[in-house]
Structures are given as C-alpha cells and as structure tokens.
Amino acid sequence: MPDANYADESASVEALRRRLGRLDPHQVAAWRTMSPARRLEIAFQAYQFALDTVRLTERRRHPDLAPEELAWRVTRRMQGDPQLGR
C-alpha cells in the first residue's frame, strides 16, 4: 500500500498535468535532445524572466514602495502566497 507522501506527490503531479494541458510532442522531443545542464539553464532563464517581469510590474503599480516592501510583494507573487512574510 503506498504511503501518504506518495499519494500527495502523485496528486500534485496530476494537478500540474491538468494545469499544463497537452504537451506539444515537438517541444517534448526538443527538450529530450538537450543535456540536463541545458534544460536547467533554460529553466533558470525562464524563472529570472518571470522574476524581472513581476518586479517591473510591481514597481510600476507602486512607484513609491520601499525596496524591502517591493521585495516582499515580488516574493508573495512568485510564491503565490499573499500572506507570506506578514
């Protein structure tokens, strides 16, 4: 009988698959030809792009924010938790 952690992880994977929808077979094939290091580099670049975009959006919405509050707003949005750090 699988343990609770396995069931939780399996449910999380299925939820992510539903959120992502059908994967493009050509994209999957392209990722499979890449080395793990290259895939990780692309993932880091995507994360950095998202971080920069959120930071810019928050700064434009709230130009008078102190740097610390801006950092918290960005962190909350990136983590998806509006109560983080409060």
PDB file of N, CA and C in Angstrom:
ATOM      1  N   MET A   1       0.845  -1.184   0.000  1.00  0.00           N
ATOM      2  CA  MET A   1       0.000   0.000   0.000  1.00  0.00           C
ATOM      3  C   MET A   1       0.892   1.250   0.000  1.00  0.00           C
ATOM      4  N   PRO A   2       0.699   2.181  -0.944  1.00  0.00           N
ATOM      5  CA  PRO A   2       1.543   3.377  -0.999  1.00  0.00           C
ATOM      6  C   PRO A   2       1.338   4.252   0.228  1.00  0.00           C
ATOM      7  N   ASP A   3       2.417   4.934   0.624  1.00  0.00           N
ATOM      8  CA  ASP A   3       2.285   5.818   1.782  1.00  0.00           C
ATOM      9  C   ASP A   3       1.631   7.147   1.391  1.00  0.00           C
ATOM     10  N   ALA A   4       1.299   7.953   2.379  1.00  0.00           N
ATOM     11  CA  ALA A   4       0.576   9.210   2.156  1.00  0.00           C
ATOM     12  C   ALA A   4       1.400  10.192   1.323  1.00  0.00           C
ATOM     13  N   ASN A   5       2.728  10.221   1.541  1.00  0.00           N
ATOM     14  CA  ASN A   5       3.578  11.134   0.766  1.00  0.00           C
ATOM     15  C   ASN A   5       3.519  10.816  -0.720  1.00  0.00           C
ATOM     16  N   TYR A   6       3.538   9.540  -1.055  1.00  0.00           N
ATOM     17  CA  TYR A   6       3.461   9.132  -2.459  1.00  0.00           C
ATOM     18  C   TYR A   6       2.127   9.563  -3.061  1.00  0.00           C
ATOM     19  N   ALA A   7       1.054   9.381  -2.315  1.00  0.00           N
ATOM     20  CA  ALA A   7      -0.278   9.770  -2.804  1.00  0.00           C
ATOM     21  C   ALA A   7      -0.359  11.273  -3.001  1.00  0.00           C
ATOM     22  N   ASP A   8       0.190  12.050  -2.057  1.00  0.00           N
ATOM     23  CA  ASP A   8       0.195  13.509  -2.186  1.00  0.00           C
ATOM     24  C   ASP A   8       1.002  13.940  -3.403  1.00  0.00           C
ATOM     25  N   GLU A   9       2.160  13.323  -3.594  1.00  0.00           N
ATOM     26  CA  GLU A   9       3.019  13.674  -4.728  1.00  0.00           C
ATOM     27  C   GLU A   9       2.333  13.308  -6.040  1.00  0.00           C
ATOM     28  N   SER A  10       1.716  12.161  -6.078  1.00  0.00           N
ATOM     29  CA  SER A  10       1.018  11.721  -7.285  1.00  0.00           C
ATOM     30  C   SER A  10      -0.132  12.665  -7.629  1.00  0.00           C
ATOM     31  N   ALA A  11      -0.880  13.102  -6.625  1.00  0.00           N
ATOM     32  CA  ALA A  11      -1.978  14.042  -6.841  1.00  0.00           C
ATOM     33  C   ALA A  11      -1.445  15.376  -7.348  1.00  0.00           C
ATOM     34  N   SER A  12      -0.307  15.817  -6.812  1.00  0.00           N
ATOM     35  CA  SER A  12       0.297  17.075  -7.252  1.00  0.00           C
ATOM     36  C   SER A  12       0.742  16.995  -8.704  1.00  0.00           C
ATOM     37  N   VAL A  13       1.325  15.874  -9.086  1.00  0.00           N
ATOM     38  CA  VAL A  13       1.765  15.688 -10.473  1.00  0.00           C
ATOM     39  C   VAL A  13       0.555  15.716 -11.404  1.00  0.00           C
ATOM     40  N   GLU A  14      -0.501  15.038 -11.033  1.00  0.00           N
ATOM     41  CA  GLU A  14      -1.711  15.025 -11.867  1.00  0.00           C
ATOM     42  C   GLU A  14      -2.334  16.413 -11.966  1.00  0.00           C
ATOM     43  N   ALA A  15      -2.344  17.166 -10.879  1.00  0.00           N
ATOM     44  CA  ALA A  15      -2.884  18.525 -10.904  1.00  0.00           C
ATOM     45  C   ALA A  15      -2.057  19.400 -11.843  1.00  0.00           C
ATOM     46  N   LEU A  16      -0.743  19.244 -11.801  1.00  0.00           N
ATOM     47  CA  LEU A  16       0.123  20.012 -12.695  1.00  0.00           C
ATOM     48  C   LEU A  16      -0.135  19.634 -14.151  1.00  0.00           C
ATOM     49  N   ARG A  17      -0.289  18.362 -14.422  1.00  0.00           N
ATOM     50  CA  ARG A  17      -0.582  17.921 -15.797  1.00  0.00           C
ATOM     51  C   ARG A  17      -1.894  18.520 -16.302  1.00  0.00           C
ATOM     52  N   ARG A  18      -2.895  18.577 -15.458  1.00  0.00           N
ATOM     53  CA  ARG A  18      -4.173  19.183 -15.866  1.00  0.00           C
ATOM     54  C   ARG A  18      -4.007  20.675 -16.139  1.00  0.00           C
ATOM     55  N   ARG A  19      -3.222  21.345 -15.301  1.00  0.00           N
ATOM     56  CA  ARG A  19      -2.981  22.778 -15.494  1.00  0.00           C
ATOM     57  C   ARG A  19      -2.236  23.071 -16.781  1.00  0.00           C
ATOM     58  N   LEU A  20      -1.257  22.245 -17.102  1.00  0.00           N
ATOM     59  CA  LEU A  20      -0.439  22.469 -18.288  1.00  0.00           C
ATOM     60  C   LEU A  20      -1.164  22.106 -19.579  1.00  0.00           C
ATOM     61  N   GLY A  21      -2.055  21.138 -19.493  1.00  0.00           N
ATOM     62  CA  GLY A  21      -2.731  20.685 -20.709  1.00  0.00           C
ATOM     63  C   GLY A  21      -1.832  19.760 -21.512  1.00  0.00           C
ATOM     64  N   ARG A  22      -2.222  19.527 -22.732  1.00  0.00           N
ATOM     65  CA  ARG A  22      -1.472  18.607 -23.595  1.00  0.00           C
ATOM     66  C   ARG A  22      -0.131  19.230 -23.992  1.00  0.00           C
ATOM     67  N   LEU A  23       0.918  18.444 -23.867  1.00  0.00           N
ATOM     68  CA  LEU A  23       2.240  18.912 -24.242  1.00  0.00           C
ATOM     69  C   LEU A  23       2.448  18.733 -25.739  1.00  0.00           C
ATOM     70  N   ASP A  24       3.131  19.671 -26.337  1.00  0.00           N
ATOM     71  CA  ASP A  24       3.443  19.605 -27.761  1.00  0.00           C
ATOM     72  C   ASP A  24       4.530  18.546 -27.970  1.00  0.00           C
ATOM     73  N   PRO A  25       4.269  17.516 -28.774  1.00  0.00           N
ATOM     74  CA  PRO A  25       5.265  16.457 -28.976  1.00  0.00           C
ATOM     75  C   PRO A  25       6.587  16.980 -29.554  1.00  0.00           C
ATOM     76  N   HIS A  26       6.526  18.027 -30.364  1.00  0.00           N
ATOM     77  CA  HIS A  26       7.757  18.598 -30.923  1.00  0.00           C
ATOM     78  C   HIS A  26       8.587  19.265 -29.828  1.00  0.00           C
ATOM     79  N   GLN A  27       7.910  19.942 -28.905  1.00  0.00           N
ATOM     80  CA  GLN A  27       8.625  20.565 -27.802  1.00  0.00           C
ATOM     81  C   GLN A  27       9.236  19.504 -26.894  1.00  0.00           C
ATOM     82  N   VAL A  28       8.475  18.447 -26.632  1.00  0.00           N
ATOM     83  CA  VAL A  28       8.992  17.357 -25.800  1.00  0.00           C
ATOM     84  C   VAL A  28      10.232  16.755 -26.450  1.00  0.00           C
ATOM     85  N   ALA A  29      10.176  16.539 -27.757  1.00  0.00           N
ATOM     86  CA  ALA A  29      11.325  15.974 -28.479  1.00  0.00           C
ATOM     87  C   ALA A  29      12.531  16.909 -28.394  1.00  0.00           C
ATOM     88  N   ALA A  30      12.295  18.205 -28.516  1.00  0.00           N
ATOM     89  CA  ALA A  30      13.397  19.169 -28.427  1.00  0.00           C
ATOM     90  C   ALA A  30      14.036  19.136 -27.038  1.00  0.00           C
ATOM     91  N   TRP A  31      13.220  19.082 -25.989  1.00  0.00           N
ATOM     92  CA  TRP A  31      13.756  19.026 -24.628  1.00  0.00           C
ATOM     93  C   TRP A  31      14.553  17.741 -24.411  1.00  0.00           C
ATOM     94  N   ARG A  32      14.098  16.652 -24.997  1.00  0.00           N
ATOM     95  CA  ARG A  32      14.805  15.369 -24.802  1.00  0.00           C
ATOM     96  C   ARG A  32      16.182  15.367 -25.446  1.00  0.00           C
ATOM     97  N   THR A  33      16.392  16.175 -26.479  1.00  0.00           N
ATOM     98  CA  THR A  33      17.711  16.213 -27.114  1.00  0.00           C
ATOM     99  C   THR A  33      18.703  17.059 -26.322  1.00  0.00           C
ATOM    100  N   MET A  34      18.202  17.878 -25.393  1.00  0.00           N
ATOM    101  CA  MET A  34      19.070  18.766 -24.610  1.00  0.00           C
ATOM    102  C   MET A  34      19.702  18.023 -23.443  1.00  0.00           C
ATOM    103  N   SER A  35      20.867  18.484 -23.072  1.00  0.00           N
ATOM    104  CA  SER A  35      21.514  17.931 -21.876  1.00  0.00           C
ATOM    105  C   SER A  35      20.762  18.430 -20.637  1.00  0.00           C
ATOM    106  N   PRO A  36      20.893  17.719 -19.528  1.00  0.00           N
ATOM    107  CA  PRO A  36      20.264  18.202 -18.296  1.00  0.00           C
ATOM    108  C   PRO A  36      20.738  19.612 -17.920  1.00  0.00           C
ATOM    109  N   ALA A  37      22.007  19.885 -18.158  1.00  0.00           N
ATOM    110  CA  ALA A  37      22.527  21.216 -17.833  1.00  0.00           C
ATOM    111  C   ALA A  37      21.845  22.292 -18.676  1.00  0.00           C
ATOM    112  N   ARG A  38      21.615  22.014 -19.951  1.00  0.00           N
ATOM    113  CA  ARG A  38      20.953  22.992 -20.820  1.00  0.00           C
ATOM    114  C   ARG A  38      19.502  23.201 -20.391  1.00  0.00           C
ATOM    115  N   ARG A  39      18.798  22.106 -20.050  1.00  0.00           N
ATOM    116  CA  ARG A  39      17.407  22.238 -19.591  1.00  0.00           C
ATOM    117  C   ARG A  39      17.342  23.071 -18.311  1.00  0.00           C
ATOM    118  N   LEU A  40      18.286  22.841 -17.414  1.00  0.00           N
ATOM    119  CA  LEU A  40      18.327  23.599 -16.172  1.00  0.00           C
ATOM    120  C   LEU A  40      18.620  25.075 -16.451  1.00  0.00           C
ATOM    121  N   GLU A  41      19.531  25.337 -17.378  1.00  0.00           N
ATOM    122  CA  GLU A  41      19.838  26.719 -17.741  1.00  0.00           C
ATOM    123  C   GLU A  41      18.597  27.430 -18.283  1.00  0.00           C
ATOM    124  N   ILE A  42      17.834  26.759 -19.135  1.00  0.00           N
ATOM    125  CA  ILE A  42      16.613  27.346 -19.688  1.00  0.00           C
ATOM    126  C   ILE A  42      15.587  27.592 -18.581  1.00  0.00           C
ATOM    127  N   ALA A  43      15.468  26.647 -17.653  1.00  0.00           N
ATOM    128  CA  ALA A  43      14.533  26.819 -16.540  1.00  0.00           C
ATOM    129  C   ALA A  43      14.936  28.029 -15.694  1.00  0.00           C
ATOM    130  N   PHE A  44      16.222  28.192 -15.425  1.00  0.00           N
ATOM    131  CA  PHE A  44      16.684  29.353 -14.658  1.00  0.00           C
ATOM    132  C   PHE A  44      16.411  30.649 -15.410  1.00  0.00           C
ATOM    133  N   GLN A  45      16.624  30.645 -16.715  1.00  0.00           N
ATOM    134  CA  GLN A  45      16.351  31.835 -17.514  1.00  0.00           C
ATOM    135  C   GLN A  45      14.865  32.185 -17.480  1.00  0.00           C
ATOM    136  N   ALA A  46      14.010  31.177 -17.568  1.00  0.00           N
ATOM    137  CA  ALA A  46      12.561  31.411 -17.521  1.00  0.00           C
ATOM    138  C   ALA A  46      12.156  31.974 -16.160  1.00  0.00           C
ATOM    139  N   TYR A  47      12.731  31.424 -15.087  1.00  0.00           N
ATOM    140  CA  TYR A  47      12.432  31.928 -13.751  1.00  0.00           C
ATOM    141  C   TYR A  47      12.892  33.374 -13.604  1.00  0.00           C
ATOM    142  N   GLN A  48      14.095  33.675 -14.099  1.00  0.00           N
ATOM    143  CA  GLN A  48      14.620  35.032 -13.997  1.00  0.00           C
ATOM    144  C   GLN A  48      13.753  36.008 -14.786  1.00  0.00           C
ATOM    145  N   PHE A  49      13.280  35.591 -15.950  1.00  0.00           N
ATOM    146  CA  PHE A  49      12.388  36.428 -16.749  1.00  0.00           C
ATOM    147  C   PHE A  49      11.100  36.724 -15.978  1.00  0.00           C
ATOM    148  N   ALA A  50      10.525  35.685 -15.373  1.00  0.00           N
ATOM    149  CA  ALA A  50       9.297  35.868 -14.589  1.00  0.00           C
ATOM    150  C   ALA A  50       9.555  36.799 -13.402  1.00  0.00           C
ATOM    151  N   LEU A  51      10.659  36.608 -12.729  1.00  0.00           N
ATOM    152  CA  LEU A  51      11.011  37.447 -11.582  1.00  0.00           C
ATOM    153  C   LEU A  51      11.169  38.908 -12.000  1.00  0.00           C
ATOM    154  N   ASP A  52      11.884  39.150 -13.078  1.00  0.00           N
ATOM    155  CA  ASP A  52      12.082  40.515 -13.572  1.00  0.00           C
ATOM    156  C   ASP A  52      10.753  41.150 -13.974  1.00  0.00           C
ATOM    157  N   THR A  53       9.886  40.358 -14.605  1.00  0.00           N
ATOM    158  CA  THR A  53       8.587  40.870 -15.049  1.00  0.00           C
ATOM    159  C   THR A  53       7.709  41.247 -13.857  1.00  0.00           C
ATOM    160  N   VAL A  54       7.672  40.392 -12.853  1.00  0.00           N
ATOM    161  CA  VAL A  54       6.878  40.678 -11.652  1.00  0.00           C
ATOM    162  C   VAL A  54       7.437  41.911 -10.942  1.00  0.00           C
ATOM    163  N   ARG A  55       8.759  41.982 -10.825  1.00  0.00           N
ATOM    164  CA  ARG A  55       9.380  43.134 -10.157  1.00  0.00           C
ATOM    165  C   ARG A  55       9.032  44.428 -10.900  1.00  0.00           C
ATOM    166  N   LEU A  56       9.137  44.429 -12.213  1.00  0.00           N
ATOM    167  CA  LEU A  56       8.819  45.616 -13.009  1.00  0.00           C
ATOM    168  C   LEU A  56       7.348  45.996 -12.873  1.00  0.00           C
ATOM    169  N   THR A  57       6.469  45.005 -12.914  1.00  0.00           N
ATOM    170  CA  THR A  57       5.033  45.259 -12.777  1.00  0.00           C
ATOM    171  C   THR A  57       4.720  45.880 -11.416  1.00  0.00           C
ATOM    172  N   GLU A  58       5.273  45.316 -10.360  1.00  0.00           N
ATOM    173  CA  GLU A  58       5.027  45.847  -9.013  1.00  0.00           C
ATOM    174  C   GLU A  58       5.593  47.257  -8.868  1.00  0.00           C
ATOM    175  N   ARG A  59       6.755  47.501  -9.442  1.00  0.00           N
ATOM    176  CA  ARG A  59       7.363  48.836  -9.343  1.00  0.00           C
ATOM    177  C   ARG A  59       6.505  49.858 -10.095  1.00  0.00           C
ATOM    178  N   ARG A  60       5.959  49.473 -11.241  1.00  0.00           N
ATOM    179  CA  ARG A  60       5.104  50.399 -11.995  1.00  0.00           C
ATOM    180  C   ARG A  60       3.787  50.659 -11.269  1.00  0.00           C
ATOM    181  N   ARG A  61       3.230  49.645 -10.652  1.00  0.00           N
ATOM    182  CA  ARG A  61       1.967  49.813  -9.921  1.00  0.00           C
ATOM    183  C   ARG A  61       2.147  50.623  -8.648  1.00  0.00           C
ATOM    184  N   HIS A  62       3.311  50.472  -8.019  1.00  0.00           N
ATOM    185  CA  HIS A  62       3.571  51.103  -6.719  1.00  0.00           C
ATOM    186  C   HIS A  62       4.952  51.760  -6.732  1.00  0.00           C
ATOM    187  N   PRO A  63       5.099  52.879  -7.434  1.00  0.00           N
ATOM    188  CA  PRO A  63       6.424  53.504  -7.586  1.00  0.00           C
ATOM    189  C   PRO A  63       7.045  54.012  -6.292  1.00  0.00           C
ATOM    190  N   ASP A  64       6.245  54.209  -5.261  1.00  0.00           N
ATOM    191  CA  ASP A  64       6.775  54.761  -4.013  1.00  0.00           C
ATOM    192  C   ASP A  64       7.123  53.703  -2.966  1.00  0.00           C
ATOM    193  N   LEU A  65       7.050  52.441  -3.331  1.00  0.00           N
ATOM    194  CA  LEU A  65       7.349  51.389  -2.359  1.00  0.00           C
ATOM    195  C   LEU A  65       8.810  51.406  -1.938  1.00  0.00           C
ATOM    196  N   ALA A  66       9.023  51.146  -0.666  1.00  0.00           N
ATOM    197  CA  ALA A  66      10.387  50.964  -0.166  1.00  0.00           C
ATOM    198  C   ALA A  66      10.942  49.663  -0.766  1.00  0.00           C
ATOM    199  N   PRO A  67      12.250  49.575  -0.956  1.00  0.00           N
ATOM    200  CA  PRO A  67      12.838  48.365  -1.549  1.00  0.00           C
ATOM    201  C   PRO A  67      12.453  47.070  -0.829  1.00  0.00           C
ATOM    202  N   GLU A  68      12.383  47.116   0.494  1.00  0.00           N
ATOM    203  CA  GLU A  68      12.033  45.904   1.250  1.00  0.00           C
ATOM    204  C   GLU A  68      10.589  45.468   0.958  1.00  0.00           C
ATOM    205  N   GLU A  69       9.662  46.417   0.905  1.00  0.00           N
ATOM    206  CA  GLU A  69       8.271  46.073   0.618  1.00  0.00           C
ATOM    207  C   GLU A  69       8.123  45.583  -0.815  1.00  0.00           C
ATOM    208  N   LEU A  70       8.865  46.183  -1.739  1.00  0.00           N
ATOM    209  CA  LEU A  70       8.850  45.707  -3.122  1.00  0.00           C
ATOM    210  C   LEU A  70       9.316  44.252  -3.177  1.00  0.00           C
ATOM    211  N   ALA A  71      10.391  43.961  -2.472  1.00  0.00           N
ATOM    212  CA  ALA A  71      10.913  42.590  -2.446  1.00  0.00           C
ATOM    213  C   ALA A  71       9.874  41.615  -1.898  1.00  0.00           C
ATOM    214  N   TRP A  72       9.153  42.012  -0.839  1.00  0.00           N
ATOM    215  CA  TRP A  72       8.121  41.142  -0.281  1.00  0.00           C
ATOM    216  C   TRP A  72       6.973  40.945  -1.262  1.00  0.00           C
ATOM    217  N   ARG A  73       6.562  42.003  -1.942  1.00  0.00           N
ATOM    218  CA  ARG A  73       5.473  41.884  -2.928  1.00  0.00           C
ATOM    219  C   ARG A  73       5.866  40.921  -4.043  1.00  0.00           C
ATOM    220  N   VAL A  74       7.090  41.053  -4.510  1.00  0.00           N
ATOM    221  CA  VAL A  74       7.581  40.165  -5.572  1.00  0.00           C
ATOM    222  C   VAL A  74       7.616  38.719  -5.064  1.00  0.00           C
ATOM    223  N   THR A  75       8.127  38.527  -3.855  1.00  0.00           N
ATOM    224  CA  THR A  75       8.196  37.186  -3.273  1.00  0.00           C
ATOM    225  C   THR A  75       6.809  36.576  -3.130  1.00  0.00           C
ATOM    226  N   ARG A  76       5.860  37.357  -2.633  1.00  0.00           N
ATOM    227  CA  ARG A  76       4.495  36.847  -2.461  1.00  0.00           C
ATOM    228  C   ARG A  76       3.894  36.418  -3.798  1.00  0.00           C
ATOM    229  N   ARG A  77       4.081  37.232  -4.836  1.00  0.00           N
ATOM    230  CA  ARG A  77       3.522  36.885  -6.152  1.00  0.00           C
ATOM    231  C   ARG A  77       4.210  35.657  -6.733  1.00  0.00           C
ATOM    232  N   MET A  78       5.522  35.587  -6.601  1.00  0.00           N
ATOM    233  CA  MET A  78       6.245  34.446  -7.167  1.00  0.00           C
ATOM    234  C   MET A  78       5.899  33.149  -6.432  1.00  0.00           C
ATOM    235  N   GLN A  79       5.631  33.248  -5.145  1.00  0.00           N
ATOM    236  CA  GLN A  79       5.290  32.053  -4.355  1.00  0.00           C
ATOM    237  C   GLN A  79       3.787  31.757  -4.364  1.00  0.00           C
ATOM    238  N   GLY A  80       3.006  32.717  -4.834  1.00  0.00           N
ATOM    239  CA  GLY A  80       1.559  32.508  -4.874  1.00  0.00           C
ATOM    240  C   GLY A  80       0.908  32.526  -3.504  1.00  0.00           C
ATOM    241  N   ASP A  81       1.547  33.236  -2.561  1.00  0.00           N
ATOM    242  CA  ASP A  81       1.035  33.278  -1.185  1.00  0.00           C
ATOM    243  C   ASP A  81       0.952  34.727  -0.714  1.00  0.00           C
ATOM    244  N   PRO A  82      -0.258  35.322  -0.769  1.00  0.00           N
ATOM    245  CA  PRO A  82      -0.396  36.719  -0.395  1.00  0.00           C
ATOM    246  C   PRO A  82      -0.121  37.004   1.079  1.00  0.00           C
ATOM    247  N   GLN A  83      -0.058  35.984   1.915  1.00  0.00           N
ATOM    248  CA  GLN A  83       0.176  36.177   3.350  1.00  0.00           C
ATOM    249  C   GLN A  83       1.630  35.987   3.736  1.00  0.00           C
ATOM    250  N   LEU A  84       2.476  35.599   2.810  1.00  0.00           N
ATOM    251  CA  LEU A  84       3.877  35.329   3.104  1.00  0.00           C
ATOM    252  C   LEU A  84       4.565  36.571   3.677  1.00  0.00           C
ATOM    253  N   GLY A  85       5.274  36.397   4.789  1.00  0.00           N
ATOM    254  CA  GLY A  85       6.020  37.493   5.393  1.00  0.00           C
ATOM    255  C   GLY A  85       5.211  38.504   6.156  1.00  0.00           C
ATOM    256  N   ARG A  86       3.967  38.172   6.413  1.00  0.00           N
ATOM    257  CA  ARG A  86       3.104  39.121   7.144  1.00  0.00           C
ATOM    258  C   ARG A  86       2.910  38.679   8.567  1.00  0.00           C
TER     259      ARG A  86
END
